[in-house]
Amino acid sequence: MKKKLIFTIAILSICCCSSLFAQKSPEEPTIYLKAGQSYLQLSDLSFNWNGGVTFPDHIALNQAFPSGSYDMMNLGLKLGYGYMLSNQWMLGARLGYKGDFRWEEGGDFLGAGHGWNTNLFARYYVTRGRFNPFIEGGIGAESFAEIGQGLPIAITSTYQEIKFGMQYHVNKRLSLELSNAIRHTSFQDLAPGFGAPVKRHIGILNPTLGLNIRL
């Protein structure tokens, strides 16, 4: 009888301990990313101000402005749509705008350039919780036109890029992201009366911000 009582007490103790452990164990993490979700994206938000930038004569873009020093402001944003093919893969497309505004250094406004670009991308999310590191690969095309004190100039380009970023979910519908990209660009300067050889460039872009809204 004593042995059964000890055994019963031991079993009850184990059950109580298990119950307490279960109550204190951390809750299952919230899953924010699921297959079939659609997202509206406002991405690649960028703002850059450069004072006293010097453009020598040999730079093709300088055909729109005389050589010299300028104050420059650059703006950029993209509106896109993304669809979760699986719990961690997203496919999507974006349409973007880029503006380039110039002033004489500390002086009068000289002119502006405006460009449009399209982008197709595939994104892989490493995790599915509140913080989501991601890797993205994309291809795109861009057209940019600028008219200043010199000759008008147009630049057309195609590019391939790899983007690394972090997405943070404020809630189940709204998330913010910070990213940076390495881009390979093939472009042509189409200034009137000038040749237009294809040029290539590989560079690291400035960090950009983004906003995602689940539809």
C-alpha atoms as a PDB file:
ATOM      1  CA  MET A   1       0.000   0.000   0.000  1.00  0.00           C
ATOM      2  CA  LYS A   2       2.805   2.386   0.898  1.00  0.00           C
ATOM      3  CA  LYS A   3       4.580   1.616  -2.390  1.00  0.00           C
ATOM      4  CA  LYS A   4       1.397   2.353  -4.390  1.00  0.00           C
ATOM      5  CA  LEU A   5       0.926   5.630  -2.512  1.00  0.00           C
ATOM      6  CA  ILE A   6       4.515   6.667  -3.234  1.00  0.00           C
ATOM      7  CA  PHE A   7       4.083   5.691  -6.911  1.00  0.00           C
ATOM      8  CA  THR A   8       0.813   7.650  -7.139  1.00  0.00           C
ATOM      9  CA  ILE A   9       2.390  10.724  -5.548  1.00  0.00           C
ATOM     10  CA  ALA A  10       5.333  10.449  -7.967  1.00  0.00           C
ATOM     11  CA  ILE A  11       2.987  10.271 -10.985  1.00  0.00           C
ATOM     12  CA  LEU A  12       0.948  13.224  -9.741  1.00  0.00           C
ATOM     13  CA  SER A  13       4.145  15.196  -9.158  1.00  0.00           C
ATOM     14  CA  ILE A  14       5.331  14.481 -12.695  1.00  0.00           C
ATOM     15  CA  CYS A  15       1.926  15.491 -14.102  1.00  0.00           C
ATOM     16  CA  CYS A  16       1.917  18.715 -12.081  1.00  0.00           C
ATOM     17  CA  CYS A  17       5.453  19.542 -13.168  1.00  0.00           C
ATOM     18  CA  SER A  18       4.581  18.793 -16.803  1.00  0.00           C
ATOM     19  CA  SER A  19       1.496  20.998 -16.549  1.00  0.00           C
ATOM     20  CA  LEU A  20       3.494  23.857 -15.063  1.00  0.00           C
ATOM     21  CA  PHE A  21       6.201  23.475 -17.713  1.00  0.00           C
ATOM     22  CA  ALA A  22       3.594  23.491 -20.474  1.00  0.00           C
ATOM     23  CA  GLN A  23       2.041  26.654 -19.083  1.00  0.00           C
ATOM     24  CA  LYS A  24       5.385  28.418 -18.879  1.00  0.00           C
ATOM     25  CA  SER A  25       6.711  27.250 -22.250  1.00  0.00           C
ATOM     26  CA  PRO A  26       6.898  29.987 -24.861  1.00  0.00           C
ATOM     27  CA  GLU A  27       3.976  30.385 -27.235  1.00  0.00           C
ATOM     28  CA  GLU A  28       4.246  29.288 -30.836  1.00  0.00           C
ATOM     29  CA  PRO A  29       5.698  32.146 -32.923  1.00  0.00           C
ATOM     30  CA  THR A  30       3.236  33.963 -35.170  1.00  0.00           C
ATOM     31  CA  ILE A  31       3.602  33.064 -38.846  1.00  0.00           C
ATOM     32  CA  TYR A  32       3.363  36.185 -41.011  1.00  0.00           C
ATOM     33  CA  LEU A  33       4.162  34.740 -44.438  1.00  0.00           C
ATOM     34  CA  LYS A  34       1.984  32.117 -46.126  1.00  0.00           C
ATOM     35  CA  ALA A  35       1.482  30.789 -49.638  1.00  0.00           C
ATOM     36  CA  GLY A  36      -1.255  32.593 -51.550  1.00  0.00           C
ATOM     37  CA  GLN A  37      -0.820  35.997 -49.908  1.00  0.00           C
ATOM     38  CA  SER A  38      -0.669  39.133 -52.088  1.00  0.00           C
ATOM     39  CA  TYR A  39       1.238  42.300 -51.224  1.00  0.00           C
ATOM     40  CA  LEU A  40       1.201  45.881 -52.444  1.00  0.00           C
ATOM     41  CA  GLN A  41       4.739  47.254 -52.241  1.00  0.00           C
ATOM     42  CA  LEU A  42       6.063  50.788 -52.035  1.00  0.00           C
ATOM     43  CA  SER A  43       9.766  50.042 -52.320  1.00  0.00           C
ATOM     44  CA  ASP A  44      13.182  51.494 -53.112  1.00  0.00           C
ATOM     45  CA  LEU A  45      12.317  54.755 -51.388  1.00  0.00           C
ATOM     46  CA  SER A  46      15.449  56.845 -51.660  1.00  0.00           C
ATOM     47  CA  PHE A  47      16.559  60.428 -51.156  1.00  0.00           C
ATOM     48  CA  ASN A  48      20.066  61.682 -51.739  1.00  0.00           C
ATOM     49  CA  TRP A  49      21.571  65.185 -51.624  1.00  0.00           C
ATOM     50  CA  ASN A  50      25.069  65.933 -52.887  1.00  0.00           C
ATOM     51  CA  GLY A  51      26.583  69.393 -52.702  1.00  0.00           C
ATOM     52  CA  GLY A  52      29.467  70.568 -54.848  1.00  0.00           C
ATOM     53  CA  VAL A  53      29.528  67.583 -57.228  1.00  0.00           C
ATOM     54  CA  THR A  54      32.020  68.104 -60.077  1.00  0.00           C
ATOM     55  CA  PHE A  55      31.350  66.744 -63.586  1.00  0.00           C
ATOM     56  CA  PRO A  56      34.366  66.925 -65.924  1.00  0.00           C
ATOM     57  CA  ASP A  57      33.952  67.122 -69.711  1.00  0.00           C
ATOM     58  CA  HIS A  58      34.669  63.443 -70.353  1.00  0.00           C
ATOM     59  CA  ILE A  59      31.514  62.236 -68.546  1.00  0.00           C
ATOM     60  CA  ALA A  60      28.800  61.588 -71.143  1.00  0.00           C
ATOM     61  CA  LEU A  61      25.946  62.602 -68.847  1.00  0.00           C
ATOM     62  CA  ASN A  62      27.574  66.012 -68.632  1.00  0.00           C
ATOM     63  CA  GLN A  63      26.426  66.769 -72.205  1.00  0.00           C
ATOM     64  CA  ALA A  64      23.199  68.092 -70.668  1.00  0.00           C
ATOM     65  CA  PHE A  65      25.128  70.578 -68.502  1.00  0.00           C
ATOM     66  CA  PRO A  66      28.445  72.417 -68.822  1.00  0.00           C
ATOM     67  CA  SER A  67      31.312  70.978 -66.822  1.00  0.00           C
ATOM     68  CA  GLY A  68      31.616  72.386 -63.332  1.00  0.00           C
ATOM     69  CA  SER A  69      30.285  71.944 -59.806  1.00  0.00           C
ATOM     70  CA  TYR A  70      26.630  71.403 -58.990  1.00  0.00           C
ATOM     71  CA  ASP A  71      24.295  70.726 -56.104  1.00  0.00           C
ATOM     72  CA  MET A  72      22.247  67.610 -56.833  1.00  0.00           C
ATOM     73  CA  MET A  73      19.140  65.993 -55.363  1.00  0.00           C
ATOM     74  CA  ASN A  74      17.984  62.484 -56.295  1.00  0.00           C
ATOM     75  CA  LEU A  75      14.592  60.960 -55.525  1.00  0.00           C
ATOM     76  CA  GLY A  76      13.372  57.435 -56.194  1.00  0.00           C
ATOM     77  CA  LEU A  77      10.442  55.116 -55.489  1.00  0.00           C
ATOM     78  CA  LYS A  78       8.778  51.990 -56.910  1.00  0.00           C
ATOM     79  CA  LEU A  79       5.215  50.696 -56.736  1.00  0.00           C
ATOM     80  CA  GLY A  80       4.924  46.929 -56.983  1.00  0.00           C
ATOM     81  CA  TYR A  81       2.885  43.775 -56.510  1.00  0.00           C
ATOM     82  CA  GLY A  82       4.154  40.570 -54.926  1.00  0.00           C
ATOM     83  CA  TYR A  83       2.546  37.124 -54.687  1.00  0.00           C
ATOM     84  CA  MET A  84       3.641  34.367 -52.295  1.00  0.00           C
ATOM     85  CA  LEU A  85       4.077  31.227 -54.411  1.00  0.00           C
ATOM     86  CA  SER A  86       4.990  29.258 -51.297  1.00  0.00           C
ATOM     87  CA  ASN A  87       5.579  29.979 -47.628  1.00  0.00           C
ATOM     88  CA  GLN A  88       8.994  31.495 -48.412  1.00  0.00           C
ATOM     89  CA  TRP A  89       9.054  32.395 -52.143  1.00  0.00           C
ATOM     90  CA  MET A  90       7.571  35.575 -53.608  1.00  0.00           C
ATOM     91  CA  LEU A  91       7.333  36.608 -57.268  1.00  0.00           C
ATOM     92  CA  GLY A  92       6.459  40.134 -58.326  1.00  0.00           C
ATOM     93  CA  ALA A  93       6.818  43.171 -60.569  1.00  0.00           C
ATOM     94  CA  ARG A  94       7.450  46.880 -59.969  1.00  0.00           C
ATOM     95  CA  LEU A  95       7.130  50.200 -61.802  1.00  0.00           C
ATOM     96  CA  GLY A  96       9.393  52.984 -60.592  1.00  0.00           C
ATOM     97  CA  TYR A  97      10.256  56.673 -60.928  1.00  0.00           C
ATOM     98  CA  LYS A  98      13.613  58.413 -60.509  1.00  0.00           C
ATOM     99  CA  GLY A  99      14.208  62.150 -60.429  1.00  0.00           C
ATOM    100  CA  ASP A 100      17.514  64.025 -60.739  1.00  0.00           C
ATOM    101  CA  PHE A 101      17.490  67.771 -59.950  1.00  0.00           C
ATOM    102  CA  ARG A 102      20.465  70.139 -60.311  1.00  0.00           C
ATOM    103  CA  TRP A 103      21.412  73.616 -59.181  1.00  0.00           C
ATOM    104  CA  GLU A 104      24.480  75.703 -59.729  1.00  0.00           C
ATOM    105  CA  GLU A 105      26.567  75.259 -56.611  1.00  0.00           C
ATOM    106  CA  GLY A 106      24.799  77.542 -54.147  1.00  0.00           C
ATOM    107  CA  GLY A 107      22.909  79.204 -57.024  1.00  0.00           C
ATOM    108  CA  ASP A 108      20.108  78.958 -59.592  1.00  0.00           C
ATOM    109  CA  PHE A 109      18.117  75.873 -60.574  1.00  0.00           C
ATOM    110  CA  LEU A 110      19.505  74.392 -63.801  1.00  0.00           C
ATOM    111  CA  GLY A 111      17.209  71.574 -64.768  1.00  0.00           C
ATOM    112  CA  ALA A 112      15.874  68.147 -63.975  1.00  0.00           C
ATOM    113  CA  GLY A 113      15.910  64.624 -65.289  1.00  0.00           C
ATOM    114  CA  HIS A 114      13.097  62.107 -65.026  1.00  0.00           C
ATOM    115  CA  GLY A 115      13.186  58.370 -65.511  1.00  0.00           C
ATOM    116  CA  TRP A 116      10.910  55.344 -65.440  1.00  0.00           C
ATOM    117  CA  ASN A 117      11.867  51.754 -64.807  1.00  0.00           C
ATOM    118  CA  THR A 118      10.281  48.312 -64.671  1.00  0.00           C
ATOM    119  CA  ASN A 119      11.491  45.383 -62.608  1.00  0.00           C
ATOM    120  CA  LEU A 120      10.652  41.664 -62.292  1.00  0.00           C
ATOM    121  CA  PHE A 121      11.868  39.911 -59.159  1.00  0.00           C
ATOM    122  CA  ALA A 122      11.929  36.674 -57.159  1.00  0.00           C
ATOM    123  CA  ARG A 123      12.416  36.917 -53.389  1.00  0.00           C
ATOM    124  CA  TYR A 124      13.309  34.216 -50.853  1.00  0.00           C
ATOM    125  CA  TYR A 125      12.494  34.766 -47.169  1.00  0.00           C
ATOM    126  CA  VAL A 126      14.874  33.015 -44.781  1.00  0.00           C
ATOM    127  CA  THR A 127      12.327  33.049 -41.910  1.00  0.00           C
ATOM    128  CA  ARG A 128       8.558  33.569 -41.556  1.00  0.00           C
ATOM    129  CA  GLY A 129       8.284  35.334 -38.184  1.00  0.00           C
ATOM    130  CA  ARG A 130       8.185  39.025 -37.317  1.00  0.00           C
ATOM    131  CA  PHE A 131      11.747  39.605 -38.611  1.00  0.00           C
ATOM    132  CA  ASN A 132      12.373  38.238 -42.124  1.00  0.00           C
ATOM    133  CA  PRO A 133      15.834  38.402 -43.700  1.00  0.00           C
ATOM    134  CA  PHE A 134      15.513  37.981 -47.471  1.00  0.00           C
ATOM    135  CA  ILE A 135      17.505  37.580 -50.663  1.00  0.00           C
ATOM    136  CA  GLU A 136      16.078  38.879 -53.936  1.00  0.00           C
ATOM    137  CA  GLY A 137      17.129  38.529 -57.555  1.00  0.00           C
ATOM    138  CA  GLY A 138      15.730  40.748 -60.286  1.00  0.00           C
ATOM    139  CA  ILE A 139      16.004  42.043 -63.835  1.00  0.00           C
ATOM    140  CA  GLY A 140      14.869  45.423 -65.078  1.00  0.00           C
ATOM    141  CA  ALA A 141      14.978  48.189 -67.667  1.00  0.00           C
ATOM    142  CA  GLU A 142      15.182  51.952 -67.247  1.00  0.00           C
ATOM    143  CA  SER A 143      14.793  55.031 -69.432  1.00  0.00           C
ATOM    144  CA  PHE A 144      16.059  58.414 -68.246  1.00  0.00           C
ATOM    145  CA  ALA A 145      15.815  61.813 -69.977  1.00  0.00           C
ATOM    146  CA  GLU A 146      17.465  65.060 -68.901  1.00  0.00           C
ATOM    147  CA  ILE A 147      17.418  68.564 -70.355  1.00  0.00           C
ATOM    148  CA  GLY A 148      19.655  71.255 -68.944  1.00  0.00           C
ATOM    149  CA  GLN A 149      21.699  74.160 -70.253  1.00  0.00           C
ATOM    150  CA  GLY A 150      23.486  71.957 -72.725  1.00  0.00           C
ATOM    151  CA  LEU A 151      22.197  69.271 -75.078  1.00  0.00           C
ATOM    152  CA  PRO A 152      19.258  67.061 -74.118  1.00  0.00           C
ATOM    153  CA  ILE A 153      20.313  63.546 -73.258  1.00  0.00           C
ATOM    154  CA  ALA A 154      18.588  60.199 -72.838  1.00  0.00           C
ATOM    155  CA  ILE A 155      19.940  57.118 -71.153  1.00  0.00           C
ATOM    156  CA  THR A 156      18.480  53.656 -71.621  1.00  0.00           C
ATOM    157  CA  SER A 157      19.674  50.727 -69.551  1.00  0.00           C
ATOM    158  CA  THR A 158      18.997  47.158 -68.558  1.00  0.00           C
ATOM    159  CA  TYR A 159      20.176  45.619 -65.313  1.00  0.00           C
ATOM    160  CA  GLN A 160      20.436  42.514 -63.170  1.00  0.00           C
ATOM    161  CA  GLU A 161      20.646  42.825 -59.405  1.00  0.00           C
ATOM    162  CA  ILE A 162      20.903  40.872 -56.187  1.00  0.00           C
ATOM    163  CA  LYS A 163      19.284  42.472 -53.167  1.00  0.00           C
ATOM    164  CA  PHE A 164      19.811  41.712 -49.478  1.00  0.00           C
ATOM    165  CA  GLY A 165      17.389  43.017 -46.884  1.00  0.00           C
ATOM    166  CA  MET A 166      15.438  42.735 -43.660  1.00  0.00           C
ATOM    167  CA  GLN A 167      11.652  42.930 -43.371  1.00  0.00           C
ATOM    168  CA  TYR A 168       9.896  43.742 -40.078  1.00  0.00           C
ATOM    169  CA  HIS A 169       6.180  43.037 -39.582  1.00  0.00           C
ATOM    170  CA  VAL A 170       4.454  45.778 -37.594  1.00  0.00           C
ATOM    171  CA  ASN A 171       1.337  43.567 -37.691  1.00  0.00           C
ATOM    172  CA  LYS A 172      -0.107  40.880 -39.966  1.00  0.00           C
ATOM    173  CA  ARG A 173      -0.896  43.364 -42.740  1.00  0.00           C
ATOM    174  CA  LEU A 174       1.842  46.001 -42.562  1.00  0.00           C
ATOM    175  CA  SER A 175       5.607  45.529 -42.775  1.00  0.00           C
ATOM    176  CA  LEU A 176       8.666  47.719 -43.258  1.00  0.00           C
ATOM    177  CA  GLU A 177      11.928  46.779 -44.951  1.00  0.00           C
ATOM    178  CA  LEU A 178      15.479  47.995 -45.379  1.00  0.00           C
ATOM    179  CA  SER A 179      17.568  46.660 -48.258  1.00  0.00           C
ATOM    180  CA  ASN A 180      20.684  47.131 -50.352  1.00  0.00           C
ATOM    181  CA  ALA A 181      21.545  45.808 -53.810  1.00  0.00           C
ATOM    182  CA  ILE A 182      24.481  44.921 -56.008  1.00  0.00           C
ATOM    183  CA  ARG A 183      23.625  45.790 -59.619  1.00  0.00           C
ATOM    184  CA  HIS A 184      25.139  45.059 -63.025  1.00  0.00           C
ATOM    185  CA  THR A 185      23.992  47.684 -65.552  1.00  0.00           C
ATOM    186  CA  SER A 186      24.340  47.897 -69.351  1.00  0.00           C
ATOM    187  CA  PHE A 187      23.508  51.394 -70.606  1.00  0.00           C
ATOM    188  CA  GLN A 188      23.751  53.796 -73.549  1.00  0.00           C
ATOM    189  CA  ASP A 189      24.075  57.592 -73.579  1.00  0.00           C
ATOM    190  CA  LEU A 190      21.909  58.820 -76.437  1.00  0.00           C
ATOM    191  CA  ALA A 191      22.965  62.466 -76.762  1.00  0.00           C
ATOM    192  CA  PRO A 192      22.206  64.034 -80.189  1.00  0.00           C
ATOM    193  CA  GLY A 193      25.247  64.016 -82.428  1.00  0.00           C
ATOM    194  CA  PHE A 194      27.206  61.629 -80.189  1.00  0.00           C
ATOM    195  CA  GLY A 195      27.922  57.948 -80.490  1.00  0.00           C
ATOM    196  CA  ALA A 196      26.091  55.518 -78.275  1.00  0.00           C
ATOM    197  CA  PRO A 197      28.378  52.626 -77.319  1.00  0.00           C
ATOM    198  CA  VAL A 198      27.022  50.185 -74.765  1.00  0.00           C
ATOM    199  CA  LYS A 199      28.693  50.636 -71.387  1.00  0.00           C
ATOM    200  CA  ARG A 200      28.647  48.300 -68.413  1.00  0.00           C
ATOM    201  CA  HIS A 201      28.961  48.965 -64.731  1.00  0.00           C
ATOM    202  CA  ILE A 202      28.813  46.946 -61.511  1.00  0.00           C
ATOM    203  CA  GLY A 203      28.125  48.814 -58.303  1.00  0.00           C
ATOM    204  CA  ILE A 204      26.564  48.762 -54.851  1.00  0.00           C
ATOM    205  CA  LEU A 205      23.454  50.927 -54.596  1.00  0.00           C
ATOM    206  CA  ASN A 206      22.521  53.153 -51.690  1.00  0.00           C
ATOM    207  CA  PRO A 207      20.348  51.526 -48.972  1.00  0.00           C
ATOM    208  CA  THR A 208      16.611  51.969 -49.566  1.00  0.00           C
ATOM    209  CA  LEU A 209      13.425  51.731 -47.483  1.00  0.00           C
ATOM    210  CA  GLY A 210      10.212  49.925 -48.360  1.00  0.00           C
ATOM    211  CA  LEU A 211       6.619  49.470 -47.171  1.00  0.00           C
ATOM    212  CA  ASN A 212       4.510  46.326 -47.748  1.00  0.00           C
ATOM    213  CA  ILE A 213       0.721  46.048 -47.322  1.00  0.00           C
ATOM    214  CA  ARG A 214      -0.956  42.645 -47.428  1.00  0.00           C
ATOM    215  CA  LEU A 215      -4.078  42.688 -49.609  1.00  0.00           C
END
